[in-house]
Amino acid sequence: MQLTLPISMNLRFVPKLAPLALLPAMLFLSMTVSGQQHAAFKVIAFFTGKNDKAHISFVKEANQFFPEMGRKFGFHYDSTSNWANLNDQFLAQYQVVIFLDTRPETPEQRAAFQRYMQNGGGWIGFHFAAFALTPSAYPQNWDWYHDQFLGSGQYKSNTWRPTPAVLKVENKSSVFTNMLPDTFSAAANEWYCWEKDLKANPKIEILLSVHPASFPLGTGPKPHEIWHSGYYPVAWTNKKYRMLYVNMGHNDIDYENKTNKELSFTFANKTQNQFIVQSLLWLGSSKIKP
C-alpha cells in the first residue's frame, strides 16, 4: 500500500505533496522543532473484537494496516484486547492510544484514560468507540467521555447498508486535514448520527462531514436507514485535547446470504488512509494542540 503524505507537524518546512521516496527525510524535518528532534513514538490500540463481524473485520484489518504504516513512518504499534492494561503505568509507555471498536468499562480503566488525556496523551477513536445508548449493552454511563470529551452524547441513528459517502473537508487549514482535497469519497461504512449538535459546541472542531452529494445515503431496507438530507459530522477533534474521532470502522459483511464474506475494507481507500495516518503522525509527534 502506498501513501503520499505531507507530514505537517511543522508546516513551514513541508510542501503540500511529496514523493513517497522523500518521506523519511521529510518526517525527520517535520519532527524537528527549534533544532530538537522528537523521538519515534509508540501507539497502543485497545480492542474487544467480539461483538459484530463487521467490527471484528475492521479490527483485524487495522492490526495489519498500522504495523505496516509504523514500519514506513517510524512509529511502533502494539495492540491488546486486555482492557486491564488501561492503567497509568502501562499507558506511560505510549504517546497515542487507539480505541478500535469499544471503550473501557470499569471505573478504574475510565479514570486512567481520563488522566492520560488530561495529561497530554494522544487518542484516536474509530466508529463504535463512541457508541452509547441507554438501554443497551453499552449504556451512556460515562458523562466525561461521551458528553465532554467526545461531545456527541448518545448514538441516535445510523444508515444501512454500509455504503461509501462523499465527505466534505470542513477546515482545510487544520493539521489533520490540510493534505486533503475539498471533498473525497470515503470507504463503505455504517454512518452514525448523534444526540448532541456538535457544531454548537465551541470545544469541538468538525473536520469532515457528509457532503450533500452523498444523499440519499444508505439503501435500507428500513426507510429510516436512508438519509436524504441533513448535516452529519463524521470526524472531529476536541480542542482541549490531543484527540481525533472518526466514524469509519465498519466493513460491509454479507449477512443476508449468511456467507459472512467481507464485501468492503476500510483501509482500501487511499485518501481516507492519508487522513488517518497524517493525523496519527501529528498526534504521536506534536506537543502542540491543534
Protein backbone atom coordinates (compact mmCIF):
# COMPACT_ATOMS: atom_id res chain seq x y z
CA MET A 1 0.00 0.00 0.00
CA GLN A 2 1.39 3.39 -0.98
CA LEU A 3 0.64 6.71 0.63
CA THR A 4 1.70 10.22 -0.28
CA LEU A 5 1.58 12.24 2.93
CA PRO A 6 2.67 15.74 3.79
CA ILE A 7 3.87 15.33 7.37
CA SER A 8 2.75 18.61 8.85
CA MET A 9 3.89 18.83 12.46
CA ASN A 10 5.97 21.81 11.29
CA LEU A 11 4.05 23.25 8.37
CA ARG A 12 6.67 25.86 7.42
CA PHE A 13 9.07 23.22 6.17
CA VAL A 14 6.69 20.82 4.42
CA PRO A 15 5.35 21.19 0.85
CA LYS A 16 1.80 20.20 0.11
CA LEU A 17 2.71 16.92 -1.63
CA ALA A 18 5.83 14.80 -1.61
CA PRO A 19 7.05 11.71 -3.46
CA LEU A 20 6.99 8.61 -1.27
CA ALA A 21 10.78 8.29 -1.53
CA LEU A 22 11.23 11.66 0.21
CA LEU A 23 9.00 10.86 3.18
CA PRO A 24 11.71 9.55 5.57
CA ALA A 25 13.68 12.79 5.18
CA MET A 26 10.52 14.88 5.45
CA LEU A 27 9.46 13.01 8.58
CA PHE A 28 12.84 13.85 10.13
CA LEU A 29 12.42 17.51 9.22
CA SER A 30 8.85 17.69 10.42
CA MET A 31 9.75 16.15 13.78
CA THR A 32 12.48 18.75 14.29
CA VAL A 33 11.33 21.89 16.07
CA SER A 34 13.84 24.56 17.15
CA GLY A 35 16.64 22.14 16.37
CA GLN A 36 15.35 19.38 18.66
CA GLN A 37 14.39 16.01 17.20
CA HIS A 38 11.43 14.21 18.76
CA ALA A 39 11.91 10.52 19.47
CA ALA A 40 9.94 7.94 17.49
CA PHE A 41 6.62 7.37 19.21
CA LYS A 42 4.65 4.35 20.37
CA VAL A 43 0.97 3.54 19.77
CA ILE A 44 -1.24 1.15 21.73
CA ALA A 45 -4.57 0.03 20.27
CA PHE A 46 -7.27 -1.46 22.52
CA PHE A 47 -9.98 -3.67 21.05
CA THR A 48 -12.64 -6.18 22.04
CA GLY A 49 -13.21 -7.94 18.72
CA LYS A 50 -16.25 -9.97 19.79
CA ASN A 51 -19.45 -8.01 19.16
CA ASP A 52 -20.07 -7.76 15.43
CA LYS A 53 -18.46 -9.46 12.43
CA ALA A 54 -18.14 -6.09 10.68
CA HIS A 55 -16.27 -4.63 13.66
CA ILE A 56 -14.14 -7.78 14.01
CA SER A 57 -13.22 -7.48 10.33
CA PHE A 58 -12.17 -3.87 10.86
CA VAL A 59 -10.08 -4.74 13.93
CA LYS A 60 -8.20 -7.44 12.03
CA GLU A 61 -7.65 -5.05 9.13
CA ALA A 62 -6.42 -2.28 11.45
CA ASN A 63 -3.98 -4.64 13.18
CA GLN A 64 -2.41 -5.33 9.79
CA PHE A 65 -2.54 -1.76 8.46
CA PHE A 66 -0.99 0.13 11.37
CA PRO A 67 2.13 -2.04 11.82
CA GLU A 68 2.81 -1.59 8.09
CA MET A 69 2.44 2.18 8.43
CA GLY A 70 4.66 2.10 11.51
CA ARG A 71 7.46 0.45 9.55
CA LYS A 72 7.15 3.09 6.84
CA PHE A 73 6.79 6.17 9.00
CA GLY A 74 8.78 5.42 12.12
CA PHE A 75 6.34 4.60 14.90
CA HIS A 76 5.85 1.42 16.94
CA TYR A 77 2.38 -0.15 17.09
CA ASP A 78 1.11 -2.57 19.73
CA SER A 79 -2.42 -3.86 20.25
CA THR A 80 -4.21 -5.62 23.09
CA SER A 81 -7.65 -6.96 23.94
CA ASN A 82 -6.81 -6.80 27.65
CA TRP A 83 -8.53 -3.62 28.82
CA ALA A 84 -6.99 -4.09 32.28
CA ASN A 85 -3.85 -2.68 30.64
CA LEU A 86 -5.62 0.67 30.60
CA ASN A 87 -3.76 1.87 33.69
CA ASP A 88 -1.29 4.65 34.45
CA GLN A 89 1.84 2.50 34.41
CA PHE A 90 1.04 0.79 31.13
CA LEU A 91 -0.15 3.94 29.35
CA ALA A 92 3.02 5.80 30.33
CA GLN A 93 4.87 3.79 27.66
CA TYR A 94 2.76 5.22 24.81
CA GLN A 95 2.21 8.57 23.14
CA VAL A 96 -1.05 7.60 21.38
CA VAL A 97 -3.93 5.35 22.43
CA ILE A 98 -6.40 3.98 19.86
CA PHE A 99 -9.83 2.54 20.62
CA LEU A 100 -10.60 0.30 17.64
CA ASP A 101 -14.11 -0.89 18.47
CA THR A 102 -15.28 -0.32 22.05
CA ARG A 103 -14.50 1.70 25.20
CA PRO A 104 -13.27 0.91 28.72
CA GLU A 105 -15.98 -0.20 31.12
CA THR A 106 -14.56 -0.28 34.66
CA PRO A 107 -14.25 2.88 36.79
CA GLU A 108 -10.50 2.29 37.18
CA GLN A 109 -9.90 1.99 33.43
CA ARG A 110 -12.01 5.06 32.71
CA ALA A 111 -10.23 7.15 35.33
CA ALA A 112 -6.83 6.11 33.95
CA PHE A 113 -7.84 7.09 30.42
CA GLN A 114 -9.17 10.46 31.57
CA ARG A 115 -5.92 11.18 33.40
CA TYR A 116 -3.94 10.14 30.33
CA MET A 117 -5.82 12.56 28.11
CA GLN A 118 -5.79 15.41 30.62
CA ASN A 119 -2.01 14.98 30.91
CA GLY A 120 -1.50 15.44 27.16
CA GLY A 121 -1.78 11.94 25.71
CA GLY A 122 -2.95 11.40 22.12
CA TRP A 123 -6.02 9.40 21.10
CA ILE A 124 -7.88 8.18 18.02
CA GLY A 125 -11.27 6.51 18.32
CA PHE A 126 -12.95 4.63 15.49
CA HIS A 127 -16.65 4.10 14.83
CA PHE A 128 -18.13 2.02 17.68
CA ALA A 129 -15.68 3.52 20.20
CA ALA A 130 -18.13 6.44 20.56
CA PHE A 131 -21.28 4.34 20.73
CA ALA A 132 -23.53 4.67 23.76
CA LEU A 133 -27.26 4.04 24.01
CA THR A 134 -29.43 3.63 27.07
CA PRO A 135 -30.74 0.96 27.32
CA SER A 136 -28.23 -1.31 25.54
CA ALA A 137 -25.13 -3.35 26.31
CA TYR A 138 -23.24 -0.02 26.09
CA PRO A 139 -25.36 2.50 28.02
CA GLN A 140 -24.48 6.16 28.34
CA ASN A 141 -22.99 5.88 31.81
CA TRP A 142 -19.78 7.89 31.30
CA ASP A 143 -20.57 11.59 31.10
CA TRP A 144 -16.97 12.84 30.82
CA TYR A 145 -16.26 10.67 27.78
CA HIS A 146 -19.48 10.94 25.79
CA ASP A 147 -20.70 14.43 26.72
CA GLN A 148 -17.49 16.37 27.42
CA PHE A 149 -14.62 14.62 25.65
CA LEU A 150 -16.42 13.45 22.50
CA GLY A 151 -19.21 15.99 22.77
CA SER A 152 -21.60 13.72 20.88
CA GLY A 153 -23.69 12.28 23.67
CA GLN A 154 -25.58 9.12 22.84
CA TYR A 155 -25.89 7.37 19.49
CA LYS A 156 -29.07 8.45 17.71
CA SER A 157 -29.33 6.52 14.43
CA ASN A 158 -27.36 5.07 11.51
CA THR A 159 -27.50 4.38 7.82
CA TRP A 160 -27.79 0.86 6.42
CA ARG A 161 -26.36 -0.90 4.48
CA PRO A 162 -22.71 0.19 4.69
CA THR A 163 -22.12 2.44 1.68
CA PRO A 164 -19.45 4.94 0.59
CA ALA A 165 -20.11 8.62 1.18
CA VAL A 166 -18.76 11.81 -0.33
CA LEU A 167 -17.20 13.76 2.54
CA LYS A 168 -16.61 17.49 2.82
CA VAL A 169 -13.46 18.84 4.47
CA GLU A 170 -14.66 21.49 6.91
CA ASN A 171 -11.31 23.10 7.72
CA LYS A 172 -8.51 22.87 5.15
CA SER A 173 -6.06 24.67 7.48
CA SER A 174 -6.24 22.02 10.22
CA VAL A 175 -3.16 19.87 10.81
CA PHE A 176 -5.49 16.89 10.47
CA THR A 177 -6.87 17.77 7.04
CA ASN A 178 -4.51 20.13 5.21
CA MET A 179 -3.45 17.34 2.83
CA LEU A 180 -6.99 16.53 1.71
CA PRO A 181 -8.98 17.73 -1.30
CA ASP A 182 -12.12 19.77 -0.64
CA THR A 183 -14.22 16.62 -0.99
CA PHE A 184 -13.45 12.93 -1.36
CA SER A 185 -15.24 9.61 -1.46
CA ALA A 186 -14.77 7.56 1.72
CA ALA A 187 -14.83 3.79 2.07
CA ALA A 188 -18.10 1.99 2.63
CA ASN A 189 -19.28 2.48 6.20
CA GLU A 190 -22.26 2.41 8.52
CA TRP A 191 -22.64 6.14 9.24
CA TYR A 192 -23.75 7.32 12.70
CA CYS A 193 -25.54 10.44 13.85
CA TRP A 194 -25.62 11.68 17.42
CA GLU A 195 -27.82 13.04 20.17
CA LYS A 196 -25.95 16.35 20.55
CA ASP A 197 -25.35 19.11 17.99
CA LEU A 198 -21.57 19.06 17.60
CA LYS A 199 -21.40 22.26 15.57
CA ALA A 200 -22.96 24.15 18.50
CA ASN A 201 -20.15 23.08 20.85
CA PRO A 202 -17.28 25.64 20.86
CA LYS A 203 -14.83 22.99 22.08
CA ILE A 204 -15.45 20.78 19.06
CA GLU A 205 -13.81 21.35 15.68
CA ILE A 206 -15.60 19.37 12.98
CA LEU A 207 -13.10 18.12 10.39
CA LEU A 208 -15.23 16.05 7.99
CA SER A 209 -18.96 15.93 7.32
CA VAL A 210 -21.26 14.18 4.86
CA HIS A 211 -21.45 16.20 1.64
CA PRO A 212 -24.95 16.71 0.17
CA ALA A 213 -23.78 14.85 -2.95
CA SER A 214 -23.97 11.68 -0.83
CA PHE A 215 -27.76 11.78 -0.48
CA PRO A 216 -29.60 9.50 -0.47
CA LEU A 217 -27.09 7.75 1.80
CA GLY A 218 -27.80 4.12 2.66
CA THR A 219 -30.02 1.56 0.93
CA GLY A 220 -32.31 0.36 3.69
CA PRO A 221 -34.39 -1.81 3.73
CA LYS A 222 -35.92 0.32 6.50
CA PRO A 223 -36.76 3.88 5.39
CA HIS A 224 -35.14 5.50 8.44
CA GLU A 225 -31.85 3.82 7.49
CA ILE A 226 -31.59 6.06 4.42
CA TRP A 227 -30.57 9.69 4.93
CA HIS A 228 -31.97 12.18 2.40
CA SER A 229 -30.76 15.45 3.91
CA GLY A 230 -29.17 16.97 6.99
CA TYR A 231 -25.80 17.79 8.49
CA TYR A 232 -23.74 14.83 9.73
CA PRO A 233 -20.23 15.26 11.19
CA VAL A 234 -18.11 12.13 10.76
CA ALA A 235 -14.70 13.24 12.07
CA TRP A 236 -13.86 15.84 14.70
CA THR A 237 -11.45 16.89 17.42
CA ASN A 238 -11.98 18.38 20.86
CA LYS A 239 -9.71 21.43 21.02
CA LYS A 240 -8.97 20.86 24.72
CA TYR A 241 -7.27 17.53 23.98
CA ARG A 242 -4.95 15.82 21.52
CA MET A 243 -7.65 13.60 20.05
CA LEU A 244 -9.49 12.58 16.92
CA TYR A 245 -12.72 10.67 16.46
CA VAL A 246 -13.53 9.16 13.07
CA ASN A 247 -16.81 7.43 12.29
CA MET A 248 -15.16 4.99 9.86
CA GLY A 249 -14.59 1.43 11.05
CA HIS A 250 -17.49 -0.78 9.92
CA ASN A 251 -16.78 -3.07 6.97
CA ASP A 252 -19.59 -4.43 4.83
CA ILE A 253 -20.39 -8.10 5.51
CA ASP A 254 -22.65 -10.46 3.56
CA TYR A 255 -25.13 -11.14 6.34
CA GLU A 256 -28.12 -11.60 4.01
CA ASN A 257 -26.78 -14.70 2.29
CA LYS A 258 -25.25 -15.98 5.54
CA THR A 259 -21.79 -16.26 3.97
CA ASN A 260 -20.28 -13.60 6.28
CA LYS A 261 -18.00 -12.68 3.40
CA GLU A 262 -16.20 -9.34 3.71
CA LEU A 263 -17.55 -7.07 0.99
CA SER A 264 -15.56 -3.91 1.76
CA PHE A 265 -12.45 -2.80 3.62
CA THR A 266 -11.92 0.48 5.47
CA PHE A 267 -8.21 0.79 4.66
CA ALA A 268 -8.66 0.18 0.92
CA ASN A 269 -9.31 3.92 0.47
CA LYS A 270 -6.14 5.91 -0.29
CA THR A 271 -7.39 9.40 0.58
CA GLN A 272 -9.01 8.23 3.80
CA ASN A 273 -5.75 6.50 4.72
CA GLN A 274 -3.86 9.74 4.17
CA PHE A 275 -6.15 11.47 6.64
CA ILE A 276 -5.81 8.74 9.28
CA VAL A 277 -2.04 8.30 9.04
CA GLN A 278 -1.34 12.03 8.86
CA SER A 279 -3.45 12.51 11.98
CA LEU A 280 -1.70 9.70 13.82
CA LEU A 281 1.74 11.08 12.96
CA TRP A 282 0.75 14.52 14.23
CA LEU A 283 -0.73 13.18 17.46
CA GLY A 284 2.30 11.00 18.12
CA SER A 285 4.95 13.62 17.46
CA SER A 286 3.50 17.00 18.35
CA LYS A 287 3.17 18.55 21.78
CA ILE A 288 1.11 21.46 20.42
CA LYS A 289 -2.67 21.31 20.41
CA PRO A 290 -4.41 21.66 17.01
